[in-house]
């Protein structure tokens, strides 16, 4: 299952932790792939990582949250705070 598909499974603290484990594994795999073969400097790193430092990761997540009112403009349900936080973390990976 793709990482973005796992977001739909987050509904409680255990499923959030499972998602964070997978996010960690995804980042670890990206670092290893980059070690073996660098991506283009004009796009994301391996596995779609746009933000590869803690500073850029947090900025990406913050920018997404502010631009989308924490996902409200994208249809993210306010009744599932676990999923909202998982999406926040995921957007740290991809949002520029």
N, C-alpha and C. Protein backbone atom coordinates (compact mmCIF):
# COMPACT_ATOMS: atom_id res chain seq x y z
N UNK A 1 0.84 -1.18 0.00
CA UNK A 1 0.00 0.00 0.00
C UNK A 1 0.89 1.24 0.00
N UNK A 2 0.53 2.19 -0.80
CA UNK A 2 1.28 3.44 -0.88
C UNK A 2 1.05 4.27 0.38
N UNK A 3 2.04 5.08 0.71
CA UNK A 3 1.98 5.89 1.92
C UNK A 3 0.75 6.80 1.92
N UNK A 4 0.46 7.44 0.80
CA UNK A 4 -0.70 8.35 0.77
C UNK A 4 -2.02 7.59 0.95
N UNK A 5 -2.06 6.32 0.57
CA UNK A 5 -3.27 5.52 0.76
C UNK A 5 -3.47 5.17 2.23
N UNK A 6 -2.40 5.07 2.98
CA UNK A 6 -2.49 4.74 4.39
C UNK A 6 -3.13 5.85 5.21
N UNK A 7 -3.14 7.05 4.66
CA UNK A 7 -3.79 8.16 5.36
C UNK A 7 -5.26 7.86 5.63
N UNK A 8 -5.90 7.16 4.71
CA UNK A 8 -7.32 6.83 4.87
C UNK A 8 -7.58 5.85 6.01
N UNK A 9 -6.54 5.16 6.46
CA UNK A 9 -6.70 4.18 7.53
C UNK A 9 -6.51 4.76 8.92
N UNK A 10 -6.03 6.01 9.00
CA UNK A 10 -5.74 6.61 10.31
C UNK A 10 -7.05 7.07 10.95
N UNK A 11 -7.31 6.48 12.14
CA UNK A 11 -8.55 6.81 12.84
C UNK A 11 -8.38 6.90 14.36
N UNK A 12 -7.22 6.47 14.85
CA UNK A 12 -6.97 6.50 16.29
C UNK A 12 -5.46 6.55 16.51
N UNK A 13 -5.04 6.53 17.77
CA UNK A 13 -3.61 6.69 18.04
C UNK A 13 -2.78 5.52 17.51
N UNK A 14 -3.30 4.31 17.54
CA UNK A 14 -2.54 3.17 17.04
C UNK A 14 -2.35 3.23 15.53
N UNK A 15 -3.38 3.61 14.81
CA UNK A 15 -3.25 3.71 13.35
C UNK A 15 -2.38 4.92 12.98
N UNK A 16 -2.37 5.98 13.81
CA UNK A 16 -1.46 7.10 13.57
C UNK A 16 -0.02 6.63 13.74
N UNK A 17 0.25 5.88 14.80
CA UNK A 17 1.61 5.39 15.00
C UNK A 17 2.04 4.46 13.88
N UNK A 18 1.13 3.65 13.38
CA UNK A 18 1.45 2.77 12.24
C UNK A 18 1.81 3.62 11.02
N UNK A 19 1.06 4.71 10.80
CA UNK A 19 1.37 5.60 9.68
C UNK A 19 2.74 6.25 9.86
N UNK A 20 3.03 6.72 11.07
CA UNK A 20 4.32 7.38 11.32
C UNK A 20 5.47 6.40 11.12
N UNK A 21 5.27 5.13 11.51
CA UNK A 21 6.30 4.11 11.25
C UNK A 21 6.56 3.99 9.75
N UNK A 22 5.49 3.97 8.97
CA UNK A 22 5.63 3.85 7.51
C UNK A 22 6.26 5.11 6.91
N UNK A 23 5.93 6.28 7.43
CA UNK A 23 6.55 7.52 6.98
C UNK A 23 8.04 7.48 7.25
N UNK A 24 8.42 7.01 8.42
CA UNK A 24 9.83 6.87 8.78
C UNK A 24 10.53 5.89 7.83
N UNK A 25 9.92 4.75 7.56
CA UNK A 25 10.51 3.78 6.64
C UNK A 25 10.64 4.36 5.23
N UNK A 26 9.65 5.15 4.82
CA UNK A 26 9.69 5.78 3.51
C UNK A 26 10.86 6.75 3.41
N UNK A 27 11.06 7.54 4.46
CA UNK A 27 12.19 8.49 4.47
C UNK A 27 13.52 7.75 4.48
N UNK A 28 13.61 6.69 5.28
CA UNK A 28 14.83 5.90 5.34
C UNK A 28 15.15 5.31 3.97
N UNK A 29 14.15 4.79 3.29
CA UNK A 29 14.35 4.24 1.95
C UNK A 29 14.78 5.32 0.97
N UNK A 30 14.22 6.51 1.11
CA UNK A 30 14.60 7.63 0.24
C UNK A 30 16.06 7.98 0.42
N UNK A 31 16.49 8.07 1.67
CA UNK A 31 17.89 8.40 1.97
C UNK A 31 18.81 7.35 1.35
N UNK A 32 18.46 6.09 1.50
CA UNK A 32 19.28 5.01 0.94
C UNK A 32 19.33 5.07 -0.58
N UNK A 33 18.20 5.33 -1.21
CA UNK A 33 18.17 5.46 -2.67
C UNK A 33 19.02 6.64 -3.13
N UNK A 34 18.95 7.74 -2.41
CA UNK A 34 19.74 8.91 -2.77
C UNK A 34 21.23 8.64 -2.60
N UNK A 35 21.58 7.84 -1.62
CA UNK A 35 22.97 7.47 -1.41
C UNK A 35 23.51 6.69 -2.61
N UNK A 36 22.67 5.86 -3.18
CA UNK A 36 23.08 5.00 -4.30
C UNK A 36 22.97 5.69 -5.66
N UNK A 37 22.04 6.63 -5.79
CA UNK A 37 21.83 7.30 -7.07
C UNK A 37 21.08 8.60 -6.82
N UNK A 38 21.76 9.72 -7.00
CA UNK A 38 21.13 11.02 -6.73
C UNK A 38 20.03 11.34 -7.72
N UNK A 39 18.95 11.94 -7.20
CA UNK A 39 17.86 12.42 -8.04
C UNK A 39 18.26 13.72 -8.71
N UNK A 40 17.44 14.15 -9.63
CA UNK A 40 17.65 15.43 -10.30
C UNK A 40 17.59 16.56 -9.28
N UNK A 41 18.45 17.55 -9.40
CA UNK A 41 18.39 18.69 -8.47
C UNK A 41 17.16 19.58 -8.71
N UNK A 42 16.40 19.30 -9.77
CA UNK A 42 15.25 20.13 -10.13
C UNK A 42 13.92 19.51 -9.71
N UNK A 43 13.95 18.45 -8.94
CA UNK A 43 12.72 17.81 -8.50
C UNK A 43 12.90 17.20 -7.13
N UNK A 44 11.90 16.44 -6.70
CA UNK A 44 11.99 15.83 -5.38
C UNK A 44 13.05 14.74 -5.33
N UNK A 45 13.45 14.41 -4.12
CA UNK A 45 14.35 13.28 -3.93
C UNK A 45 13.57 11.98 -4.14
N UNK A 46 14.27 10.88 -3.99
CA UNK A 46 13.65 9.57 -4.16
C UNK A 46 12.38 9.45 -3.31
N UNK A 47 11.40 8.75 -3.85
CA UNK A 47 10.13 8.47 -3.18
C UNK A 47 9.30 9.73 -2.96
N UNK A 48 9.60 10.81 -3.71
CA UNK A 48 8.79 12.02 -3.67
C UNK A 48 9.05 12.98 -2.53
N UNK A 49 10.20 12.87 -1.87
CA UNK A 49 10.49 13.75 -0.74
C UNK A 49 10.93 15.13 -1.24
N UNK A 50 10.06 16.10 -1.06
CA UNK A 50 10.36 17.49 -1.42
C UNK A 50 11.17 18.18 -0.32
N UNK A 51 10.90 17.83 0.92
CA UNK A 51 11.47 18.52 2.07
C UNK A 51 12.32 17.54 2.86
N UNK A 52 13.63 17.74 2.81
CA UNK A 52 14.54 16.72 3.33
C UNK A 52 15.29 17.14 4.59
N UNK A 53 15.08 18.33 5.07
CA UNK A 53 15.64 18.74 6.36
C UNK A 53 14.45 18.94 7.31
N UNK A 54 14.72 18.91 8.60
CA UNK A 54 13.64 19.12 9.56
C UNK A 54 13.03 20.51 9.37
N UNK A 55 13.86 21.49 9.02
CA UNK A 55 13.35 22.85 8.81
C UNK A 55 12.38 22.90 7.63
N UNK A 56 12.77 22.32 6.51
CA UNK A 56 11.90 22.36 5.33
C UNK A 56 10.67 21.46 5.51
N UNK A 57 10.84 20.34 6.22
CA UNK A 57 9.71 19.44 6.50
C UNK A 57 8.64 20.18 7.31
N UNK A 58 9.07 20.83 8.38
CA UNK A 58 8.12 21.56 9.22
C UNK A 58 7.50 22.74 8.47
N UNK A 59 8.30 23.41 7.65
CA UNK A 59 7.76 24.53 6.87
C UNK A 59 6.72 24.03 5.87
N UNK A 60 6.98 22.91 5.23
CA UNK A 60 6.01 22.34 4.29
C UNK A 60 4.70 21.98 4.98
N UNK A 61 4.79 21.33 6.14
CA UNK A 61 3.59 20.96 6.88
C UNK A 61 2.82 22.21 7.33
N UNK A 62 3.55 23.18 7.84
CA UNK A 62 2.93 24.43 8.29
C UNK A 62 2.27 25.17 7.13
N UNK A 63 2.96 25.26 6.01
CA UNK A 63 2.41 25.95 4.83
C UNK A 63 1.13 25.29 4.36
N UNK A 64 1.13 23.95 4.33
CA UNK A 64 -0.09 23.23 3.94
C UNK A 64 -1.22 23.54 4.90
N UNK A 65 -0.96 23.47 6.22
CA UNK A 65 -2.00 23.69 7.21
C UNK A 65 -2.59 25.09 7.09
N UNK A 66 -1.72 26.08 6.88
CA UNK A 66 -2.21 27.46 6.75
C UNK A 66 -2.96 27.67 5.44
N UNK A 67 -2.47 27.11 4.34
CA UNK A 67 -3.09 27.32 3.03
C UNK A 67 -4.44 26.62 2.90
N UNK A 68 -4.63 25.54 3.63
CA UNK A 68 -5.86 24.74 3.48
C UNK A 68 -6.75 24.76 4.72
N UNK A 69 -6.43 25.63 5.66
CA UNK A 69 -7.16 25.67 6.95
C UNK A 69 -7.17 24.27 7.56
N UNK A 70 -5.98 23.70 7.63
CA UNK A 70 -5.74 22.37 8.18
C UNK A 70 -6.55 21.30 7.45
N UNK A 71 -6.65 21.47 6.14
CA UNK A 71 -7.30 20.47 5.30
C UNK A 71 -8.77 20.70 5.05
N UNK A 72 -9.36 21.71 5.67
CA UNK A 72 -10.80 21.95 5.51
C UNK A 72 -11.16 22.23 4.06
N UNK A 73 -10.32 22.97 3.35
CA UNK A 73 -10.61 23.28 1.95
C UNK A 73 -10.39 22.08 1.04
N UNK A 74 -9.83 21.00 1.58
CA UNK A 74 -9.62 19.78 0.81
C UNK A 74 -10.57 18.67 1.24
N UNK A 75 -11.53 19.00 2.09
CA UNK A 75 -12.53 18.04 2.52
C UNK A 75 -12.11 17.13 3.66
N UNK A 76 -11.04 17.47 4.35
CA UNK A 76 -10.59 16.67 5.49
C UNK A 76 -11.57 16.86 6.64
N UNK A 77 -12.10 15.77 7.17
CA UNK A 77 -13.12 15.84 8.20
C UNK A 77 -12.55 16.30 9.54
N UNK A 78 -13.15 17.31 10.15
CA UNK A 78 -12.66 17.78 11.45
C UNK A 78 -12.91 16.77 12.56
N UNK A 79 -13.77 15.79 12.33
CA UNK A 79 -14.10 14.81 13.36
C UNK A 79 -13.01 13.74 13.55
N UNK A 80 -11.98 13.75 12.73
CA UNK A 80 -10.91 12.76 12.85
C UNK A 80 -9.57 13.49 13.04
N UNK A 81 -9.27 13.92 14.28
CA UNK A 81 -8.03 14.65 14.51
C UNK A 81 -6.79 13.79 14.26
N UNK A 82 -6.89 12.49 14.43
CA UNK A 82 -5.75 11.59 14.17
C UNK A 82 -5.37 11.65 12.71
N UNK A 83 -6.36 11.61 11.84
CA UNK A 83 -6.08 11.67 10.41
C UNK A 83 -5.57 13.05 10.01
N UNK A 84 -6.11 14.10 10.60
CA UNK A 84 -5.63 15.44 10.30
C UNK A 84 -4.14 15.57 10.62
N UNK A 85 -3.72 15.01 11.75
CA UNK A 85 -2.32 15.09 12.11
C UNK A 85 -1.47 14.25 11.17
N UNK A 86 -1.97 13.09 10.75
CA UNK A 86 -1.24 12.25 9.80
C UNK A 86 -1.07 12.99 8.47
N UNK A 87 -2.11 13.64 8.01
CA UNK A 87 -2.01 14.41 6.77
C UNK A 87 -1.03 15.56 6.94
N UNK A 88 -1.06 16.21 8.08
CA UNK A 88 -0.10 17.28 8.38
C UNK A 88 1.33 16.77 8.22
N UNK A 89 1.62 15.61 8.80
CA UNK A 89 2.96 15.02 8.67
C UNK A 89 3.27 14.65 7.23
N UNK A 90 2.32 14.05 6.54
CA UNK A 90 2.52 13.67 5.15
C UNK A 90 2.83 14.88 4.29
N UNK A 91 2.14 15.98 4.56
CA UNK A 91 2.37 17.20 3.77
C UNK A 91 3.74 17.80 4.06
N UNK A 92 4.30 17.50 5.22
CA UNK A 92 5.69 17.88 5.47
C UNK A 92 6.63 17.24 4.45
N UNK A 93 6.26 16.08 3.97
CA UNK A 93 7.05 15.38 2.95
C UNK A 93 6.89 16.03 1.58
N UNK A 94 5.67 16.39 1.20
CA UNK A 94 5.39 16.71 -0.21
C UNK A 94 5.09 18.17 -0.51
N UNK A 95 4.64 18.94 0.47
CA UNK A 95 4.14 20.30 0.19
C UNK A 95 5.29 21.29 0.10
N UNK A 96 5.28 22.11 -0.93
CA UNK A 96 6.32 23.13 -1.09
C UNK A 96 5.78 24.51 -0.78
